[in-house]
Amino acid sequence: MHLVQFLTESGARRVGVPEADGRFLRVLDGYDTVYALARVAVRDRLTLAEAAQAALGETLVDYDAVIAERRLLAPLDHPEPARFWITGTGLTHLGSADARDKMHLEQNGPEETMTDSMKIFRMGLTGGKPAPGEIGVQPEWFFKGLGTCVVPPEHPLPMPGFALAGGEEAEIVGLYLIDEDGNPRRLGFAMGNEFSDQVTEAINYLYLAHSKLRACSIGPELLLGALPADIHGTVRVLRGDALVWEGEFLSGEDNMSHSIQNLEHYHFRYPSFRRPGDLHAYFFGAPVLSCAHGIKTQDGDRFEIDVPVFGRPLRNAMALVEETTVTVTSL
């Protein structure tokens, strides 16, 4: 089952389930957010799919119209956006490790026999998928922002005027609710465009934190249940009517150096990430990057992440925004 959050023509929030033919969304009765549905599922000891199934109504909405009129919302959000943590990990896929290694070598020269990126990737290869009950090697981790940095599907991703680049990072995102006892509850998975400044990062790996503080997009559909082990799709960069670049999206645990469980362990071991009522979006790493193929994106370029197992594609344009001058004053 997939869940979609969207706005009606009058601006009211709704949650829907795509029909089998993909043409319509069947609206849930009694819920206007996935967050509210998830809290009821926890309370009533149901899976999220069971709670959604019980709430299915009779109303059908034209899915194409919702998309065309840009009425999609991210598939999960919090009524208090500051309680929605957006974080992630990288170097979990061979493609991203090769890309990161290449850009660091180009910036710093070939005298480095092995970059830090390749070192941490190889650590994951040897220790990122521990046996059940065991703990594997620690992955890379970064903070991206809070719920206010999440842009809905079909809406533009802002590239700050101070940024050196804006590049797509197509990734699977784990979405979680912390229950009233402080336990992380995985709601499901979605596609995400983590959207980073790879040029800033390439200057020095210590600039990774700065390069990640950007907007992102998630959705449009929340996949409930288990994540398939082998996931295929396509990532595209379009400029006007022209295809600038296309790459294969290859993910799932069969194509990763870390297990999902290992990534989750190292994120949720921190008590501050287990506050009851909080939400988390955790990006699992990009398997392919257009920047690794020499692509330099421009204002107005459109990103399309088409991975059939997640339903409709995630699409966003990039929009350059004027740099804001910030003045700090004494109080």
Protein backbone atom coordinates (compact mmCIF):
# COMPACT_ATOMS: atom_id res chain seq x y z
CA MET A 1 0.00 0.00 0.00
CA HIS A 2 1.08 3.59 -0.73
CA LEU A 3 -0.12 6.77 0.99
CA VAL A 4 -0.27 10.24 -0.58
CA GLN A 5 -0.87 13.57 1.15
CA PHE A 6 -2.42 16.29 -0.98
CA LEU A 7 -4.64 19.37 -1.04
CA THR A 8 -8.15 19.49 -2.42
CA GLU A 9 -9.13 22.20 -4.92
CA SER A 10 -10.40 24.24 -1.96
CA GLY A 11 -7.09 23.87 -0.09
CA ALA A 12 -8.15 21.27 2.48
CA ARG A 13 -5.65 18.56 3.40
CA ARG A 14 -6.40 14.94 2.59
CA VAL A 15 -4.69 11.53 2.65
CA GLY A 16 -5.28 9.12 -0.19
CA VAL A 17 -4.33 5.67 -1.44
CA PRO A 18 -3.58 5.27 -5.18
CA GLU A 19 -6.00 2.93 -6.91
CA ALA A 20 -4.57 -0.11 -8.71
CA ASP A 21 -4.72 1.61 -12.11
CA GLY A 22 -2.92 4.67 -10.73
CA ARG A 23 -5.50 7.12 -12.11
CA PHE A 24 -7.29 7.97 -8.87
CA LEU A 25 -6.61 8.46 -5.17
CA ARG A 26 -9.10 6.90 -2.77
CA VAL A 27 -9.47 9.31 0.13
CA LEU A 28 -9.25 8.20 3.76
CA ASP A 29 -12.18 9.18 5.99
CA GLY A 30 -11.37 10.95 9.24
CA TYR A 31 -7.72 11.81 8.62
CA ASP A 32 -6.08 14.81 7.04
CA THR A 33 -2.46 13.83 7.83
CA VAL A 34 -0.41 10.64 7.84
CA TYR A 35 0.97 11.79 11.20
CA ALA A 36 -2.50 11.59 12.78
CA LEU A 37 -3.12 8.20 11.17
CA ALA A 38 0.20 6.87 12.48
CA ARG A 39 -0.50 7.97 16.04
CA VAL A 40 -3.85 6.17 15.97
CA ALA A 41 -2.19 3.05 14.54
CA VAL A 42 0.31 3.05 17.42
CA ARG A 43 -2.45 3.59 19.97
CA ASP A 44 -4.62 0.81 18.56
CA ARG A 45 -1.68 -1.56 17.96
CA LEU A 46 -2.27 -1.69 14.23
CA THR A 47 0.13 -1.51 11.34
CA LEU A 48 -0.09 1.72 9.36
CA ALA A 49 -1.50 -0.26 6.43
CA GLU A 50 -4.22 -1.76 8.64
CA ALA A 51 -5.18 1.66 9.97
CA ALA A 52 -5.31 3.08 6.43
CA GLN A 53 -7.35 0.15 5.13
CA ALA A 54 -9.90 0.63 7.90
CA ALA A 55 -10.28 4.31 6.98
CA LEU A 56 -10.70 3.92 3.20
CA GLY A 57 -13.72 5.89 2.02
CA GLU A 58 -15.76 6.18 -1.17
CA THR A 59 -14.36 9.46 -2.50
CA LEU A 60 -12.05 9.26 -5.53
CA VAL A 61 -9.80 12.12 -6.66
CA ASP A 62 -8.11 12.48 -10.06
CA TYR A 63 -4.42 11.84 -9.33
CA ASP A 64 -3.19 13.50 -12.55
CA ALA A 65 -5.08 16.68 -11.69
CA VAL A 66 -3.54 16.78 -8.20
CA ILE A 67 -0.08 16.53 -9.77
CA ALA A 68 -0.71 19.00 -12.61
CA GLU A 69 -2.14 21.59 -10.23
CA ARG A 70 0.79 21.13 -7.83
CA ARG A 71 -1.43 20.08 -4.95
CA LEU A 72 0.85 17.27 -3.76
CA LEU A 73 2.36 17.46 -0.30
CA ALA A 74 5.28 15.52 1.13
CA PRO A 75 3.96 12.11 2.23
CA LEU A 76 4.77 12.88 5.88
CA ASP A 77 4.97 16.10 7.86
CA HIS A 78 4.57 17.32 11.42
CA PRO A 79 2.11 19.97 12.67
CA GLU A 80 5.17 21.51 14.36
CA PRO A 81 7.83 21.46 11.59
CA ALA A 82 10.68 21.95 14.08
CA ARG A 83 9.87 18.46 15.40
CA PHE A 84 10.58 16.82 12.05
CA TRP A 85 14.29 15.89 11.85
CA ILE A 86 15.80 15.64 8.36
CA THR A 87 19.09 13.72 8.39
CA GLY A 88 21.00 11.24 6.27
CA THR A 89 23.98 9.10 5.53
CA GLY A 90 26.22 8.69 2.51
CA LEU A 91 28.81 6.37 1.03
CA THR A 92 26.37 3.49 1.26
CA HIS A 93 26.37 2.72 -2.48
CA LEU A 94 29.28 1.96 -4.79
CA GLY A 95 28.28 4.68 -7.26
CA SER A 96 28.23 7.43 -4.63
CA ALA A 97 31.54 6.27 -3.19
CA ASP A 98 33.20 6.39 -6.61
CA ALA A 99 31.76 9.86 -7.27
CA ARG A 100 32.82 11.23 -3.90
CA ASP A 101 36.29 9.70 -4.24
CA LYS A 102 36.71 11.17 -7.72
CA MET A 103 35.76 14.72 -6.77
CA HIS A 104 38.02 14.71 -3.72
CA LEU A 105 40.94 13.45 -5.81
CA GLU A 106 40.32 16.12 -8.44
CA GLN A 107 40.32 18.82 -5.78
CA ASN A 108 43.23 17.56 -3.64
CA GLY A 109 45.45 15.75 -6.15
CA PRO A 110 46.43 12.12 -6.73
CA GLU A 111 48.99 12.04 -3.93
CA GLU A 112 46.34 10.65 -1.62
CA THR A 113 46.45 6.89 -2.02
CA MET A 114 42.94 6.57 -0.61
CA THR A 115 40.54 9.37 0.24
CA ASP A 116 38.60 9.43 3.50
CA SER A 117 35.45 8.82 1.43
CA MET A 118 36.77 5.55 0.04
CA LYS A 119 38.08 4.51 3.46
CA ILE A 120 34.69 4.87 5.12
CA PHE A 121 32.97 3.18 2.18
CA ARG A 122 35.28 0.17 2.47
CA MET A 123 34.59 0.03 6.20
CA GLY A 124 30.93 -0.36 5.29
CA LEU A 125 31.70 -3.12 2.80
CA THR A 126 33.42 -5.17 5.47
CA GLY A 127 31.27 -4.32 8.49
CA GLY A 128 28.06 -2.59 7.43
CA LYS A 129 25.83 -5.67 7.36
CA PRO A 130 26.24 -7.39 10.73
CA ALA A 131 24.62 -10.70 11.61
CA PRO A 132 21.26 -10.53 13.40
CA GLY A 133 21.73 -9.34 16.96
CA GLU A 134 25.14 -7.81 16.25
CA ILE A 135 26.20 -4.21 15.64
CA GLY A 136 28.11 -3.26 12.52
CA VAL A 137 30.50 -0.46 11.67
CA GLN A 138 29.37 3.15 12.12
CA PRO A 139 28.26 4.91 8.92
CA GLU A 140 28.69 8.50 7.84
CA TRP A 141 25.93 10.79 9.15
CA PHE A 142 24.80 14.36 8.50
CA PHE A 143 22.14 16.81 9.60
CA LYS A 144 20.17 18.38 6.76
CA GLY A 145 17.55 20.48 8.49
CA LEU A 146 14.08 20.42 10.00
CA GLY A 147 10.64 20.07 8.49
CA THR A 148 10.76 23.60 7.07
CA CYS A 149 13.42 22.50 4.53
CA VAL A 150 11.16 19.90 2.89
CA VAL A 151 9.74 21.05 -0.45
CA PRO A 152 6.61 19.31 -1.82
CA PRO A 153 6.86 17.31 -5.05
CA GLU A 154 6.43 19.40 -8.23
CA HIS A 155 7.61 22.55 -6.40
CA PRO A 156 10.98 24.25 -6.95
CA LEU A 157 14.06 23.45 -4.88
CA PRO A 158 15.70 26.76 -3.94
CA MET A 159 19.45 27.07 -4.55
CA PRO A 160 20.83 29.81 -2.29
CA GLY A 161 22.73 32.61 -3.94
CA PHE A 162 25.83 31.73 -1.92
CA ALA A 163 25.83 28.11 -3.10
CA LEU A 164 28.49 26.94 -5.53
CA ALA A 165 26.24 24.29 -7.07
CA GLY A 166 22.91 22.54 -6.75
CA GLY A 167 22.94 18.86 -7.59
CA GLU A 168 20.29 16.18 -7.29
CA GLU A 169 20.86 13.25 -4.92
CA ALA A 170 18.22 10.60 -5.55
CA GLU A 171 17.84 8.47 -2.42
CA ILE A 172 15.50 6.21 -0.52
CA VAL A 173 14.22 7.86 2.66
CA GLY A 174 13.15 6.06 5.81
CA LEU A 175 10.28 7.80 7.62
CA TYR A 176 9.74 7.33 11.36
CA LEU A 177 7.52 8.31 14.27
CA ILE A 178 8.77 8.20 17.87
CA ASP A 179 6.00 6.66 19.97
CA GLU A 180 4.95 7.75 23.45
CA ASP A 181 7.44 5.33 25.03
CA GLY A 182 10.35 6.76 23.04
CA ASN A 183 10.54 3.89 20.56
CA PRO A 184 11.24 4.60 16.86
CA ARG A 185 8.43 3.24 14.68
CA ARG A 186 9.21 2.95 10.98
CA LEU A 187 6.21 4.15 8.97
CA GLY A 188 7.61 3.27 5.57
CA PHE A 189 9.87 4.48 2.79
CA ALA A 190 9.73 7.15 0.10
CA MET A 191 11.85 8.52 -2.69
CA GLY A 192 13.78 11.68 -1.94
CA ASN A 193 15.89 14.29 -3.68
CA GLU A 194 18.44 15.20 -1.04
CA PHE A 195 19.76 18.09 -3.20
CA SER A 196 23.24 19.14 -2.12
CA ASP A 197 26.13 21.42 -3.03
CA GLN A 198 28.75 18.90 -4.18
CA VAL A 199 31.18 21.63 -5.28
CA THR A 200 31.38 23.08 -1.78
CA GLU A 201 31.86 19.61 -0.34
CA ALA A 202 34.68 18.86 -2.80
CA ILE A 203 36.76 21.78 -1.54
CA ASN A 204 37.28 19.96 1.74
CA TYR A 205 35.45 17.04 3.31
CA LEU A 206 34.96 19.16 6.45
CA TYR A 207 32.61 21.33 4.37
CA LEU A 208 30.19 18.39 4.06
CA ALA A 209 28.03 19.85 6.85
CA HIS A 210 27.68 23.16 4.99
CA SER A 211 26.94 21.47 1.67
CA LYS A 212 23.99 19.57 3.15
CA LEU A 213 22.14 22.55 4.67
CA ARG A 214 19.79 22.92 1.72
CA ALA A 215 16.20 22.19 0.84
CA CYS A 216 15.13 18.68 -0.16
CA SER A 217 12.03 16.96 -1.49
CA ILE A 218 10.33 13.70 -0.50
CA GLY A 219 7.58 11.68 -2.14
CA PRO A 220 5.12 11.79 -3.60
CA GLU A 221 4.18 8.37 -2.20
CA LEU A 222 4.90 6.62 1.09
CA LEU A 223 5.57 2.91 0.57
CA LEU A 224 4.28 0.88 3.51
CA GLY A 225 5.76 -2.45 4.58
CA ALA A 226 9.08 -4.03 3.72
CA LEU A 227 11.61 -2.41 1.41
CA PRO A 228 12.49 -4.56 -1.63
CA ALA A 229 16.13 -5.68 -1.58
CA ASP A 230 16.79 -4.82 -5.25
CA ILE A 231 15.35 -1.54 -6.53
CA HIS A 232 15.78 -0.09 -10.01
CA GLY A 233 14.80 3.24 -11.52
CA THR A 234 15.98 6.24 -13.51
CA VAL A 235 17.24 9.69 -12.55
CA ARG A 236 17.03 12.50 -15.10
CA VAL A 237 18.11 16.13 -15.44
CA LEU A 238 16.09 18.10 -18.00
CA ARG A 239 16.65 21.60 -19.38
CA GLY A 240 13.64 22.90 -21.22
CA ASP A 241 12.59 20.07 -23.52
CA ALA A 242 16.10 18.57 -23.64
CA LEU A 243 17.38 15.62 -21.65
CA VAL A 244 20.70 16.76 -20.18
CA TRP A 245 21.56 13.54 -18.37
CA GLU A 246 20.04 10.19 -17.40
CA GLY A 247 21.40 7.62 -14.97
CA GLU A 248 20.31 4.30 -13.49
CA PHE A 249 19.06 4.32 -9.92
CA LEU A 250 20.12 1.06 -8.27
CA SER A 251 19.40 0.69 -4.55
CA GLY A 252 17.94 -1.58 -1.89
CA GLU A 253 20.06 -3.61 0.54
CA ASP A 254 21.37 -5.89 -2.22
CA ASN A 255 23.10 -2.84 -3.67
CA MET A 256 24.20 -1.19 -0.42
CA SER A 257 27.20 -1.58 1.86
CA HIS A 258 25.09 -1.13 5.00
CA SER A 259 21.90 -2.82 6.12
CA ILE A 260 18.94 -0.55 6.88
CA GLN A 261 18.94 -1.90 10.44
CA ASN A 262 22.56 -0.89 10.93
CA LEU A 263 21.91 2.63 9.65
CA GLU A 264 18.88 2.96 11.93
CA HIS A 265 20.81 1.70 14.96
CA TYR A 266 23.45 4.40 14.68
CA HIS A 267 20.86 7.14 14.20
CA PHE A 268 18.41 6.26 16.94
CA ARG A 269 20.97 5.35 19.61
CA TYR A 270 21.05 9.04 20.53
CA PRO A 271 18.39 9.91 23.15
CA SER A 272 17.72 13.30 21.54
CA PHE A 273 16.43 11.42 18.47
CA ARG A 274 13.92 9.44 20.54
CA ARG A 275 11.66 12.21 21.81
CA PRO A 276 8.02 11.06 21.87
CA GLY A 277 5.96 12.60 19.09
CA ASP A 278 8.88 13.59 16.85
CA LEU A 279 9.20 12.56 13.22
CA HIS A 280 12.37 11.63 11.34
CA ALA A 281 13.26 11.48 7.64
CA TYR A 282 16.53 9.60 7.17
CA PHE A 283 18.14 9.64 3.70
CA PHE A 284 19.97 6.36 2.97
CA GLY A 285 22.50 7.60 0.40
CA ALA A 286 22.61 8.24 -3.34
CA PRO A 287 23.65 5.47 -5.75
CA VAL A 288 24.20 7.80 -8.73
CA LEU A 289 25.03 11.50 -9.16
CA SER A 290 24.88 13.61 -12.31
CA CYS A 291 27.81 15.74 -11.10
CA ALA A 292 30.05 12.66 -11.28
CA HIS A 293 29.37 12.66 -15.04
CA GLY A 294 30.41 16.26 -15.54
CA ILE A 295 26.92 17.76 -15.38
CA LYS A 296 26.66 21.33 -14.08
CA THR A 297 23.06 22.13 -13.33
CA GLN A 298 21.53 25.52 -14.08
CA ASP A 299 18.69 27.66 -12.78
CA GLY A 300 15.46 26.16 -14.08
CA ASP A 301 16.77 22.63 -14.62
CA ARG A 302 14.29 19.93 -13.67
CA PHE A 303 15.07 16.77 -11.72
CA GLU A 304 13.01 13.62 -12.22
CA ILE A 305 13.43 10.52 -10.06
CA ASP A 306 11.39 7.68 -11.52
CA VAL A 307 11.50 4.48 -9.43
CA PRO A 308 8.38 2.39 -10.18
CA VAL A 309 8.24 0.57 -6.85
CA PHE A 310 7.59 3.95 -5.20
CA GLY A 311 4.77 4.93 -7.56
CA ARG A 312 4.66 8.28 -9.33
CA PRO A 313 7.99 10.05 -10.04
CA LEU A 314 9.41 12.70 -7.76
CA ARG A 315 9.90 15.87 -9.80
CA ASN A 316 11.27 19.29 -8.86
CA ALA A 317 12.87 22.17 -10.70
CA MET A 318 15.84 24.10 -9.31
CA ALA A 319 15.36 27.82 -8.69
CA LEU A 320 18.20 30.20 -7.89
CA VAL A 321 17.24 32.56 -5.07
CA GLU A 322 18.90 35.84 -4.20
CA GLU A 323 21.34 35.71 -1.32
CA THR A 324 19.99 37.26 1.88
CA THR A 325 22.22 39.53 3.92
CA VAL A 326 21.93 38.67 7.59
CA THR A 327 22.88 41.21 10.22
CA VAL A 328 23.32 40.17 13.83
CA THR A 329 22.50 42.87 16.35
CA SER A 330 22.86 43.02 20.11
CA LEU A 331 19.76 42.90 22.24
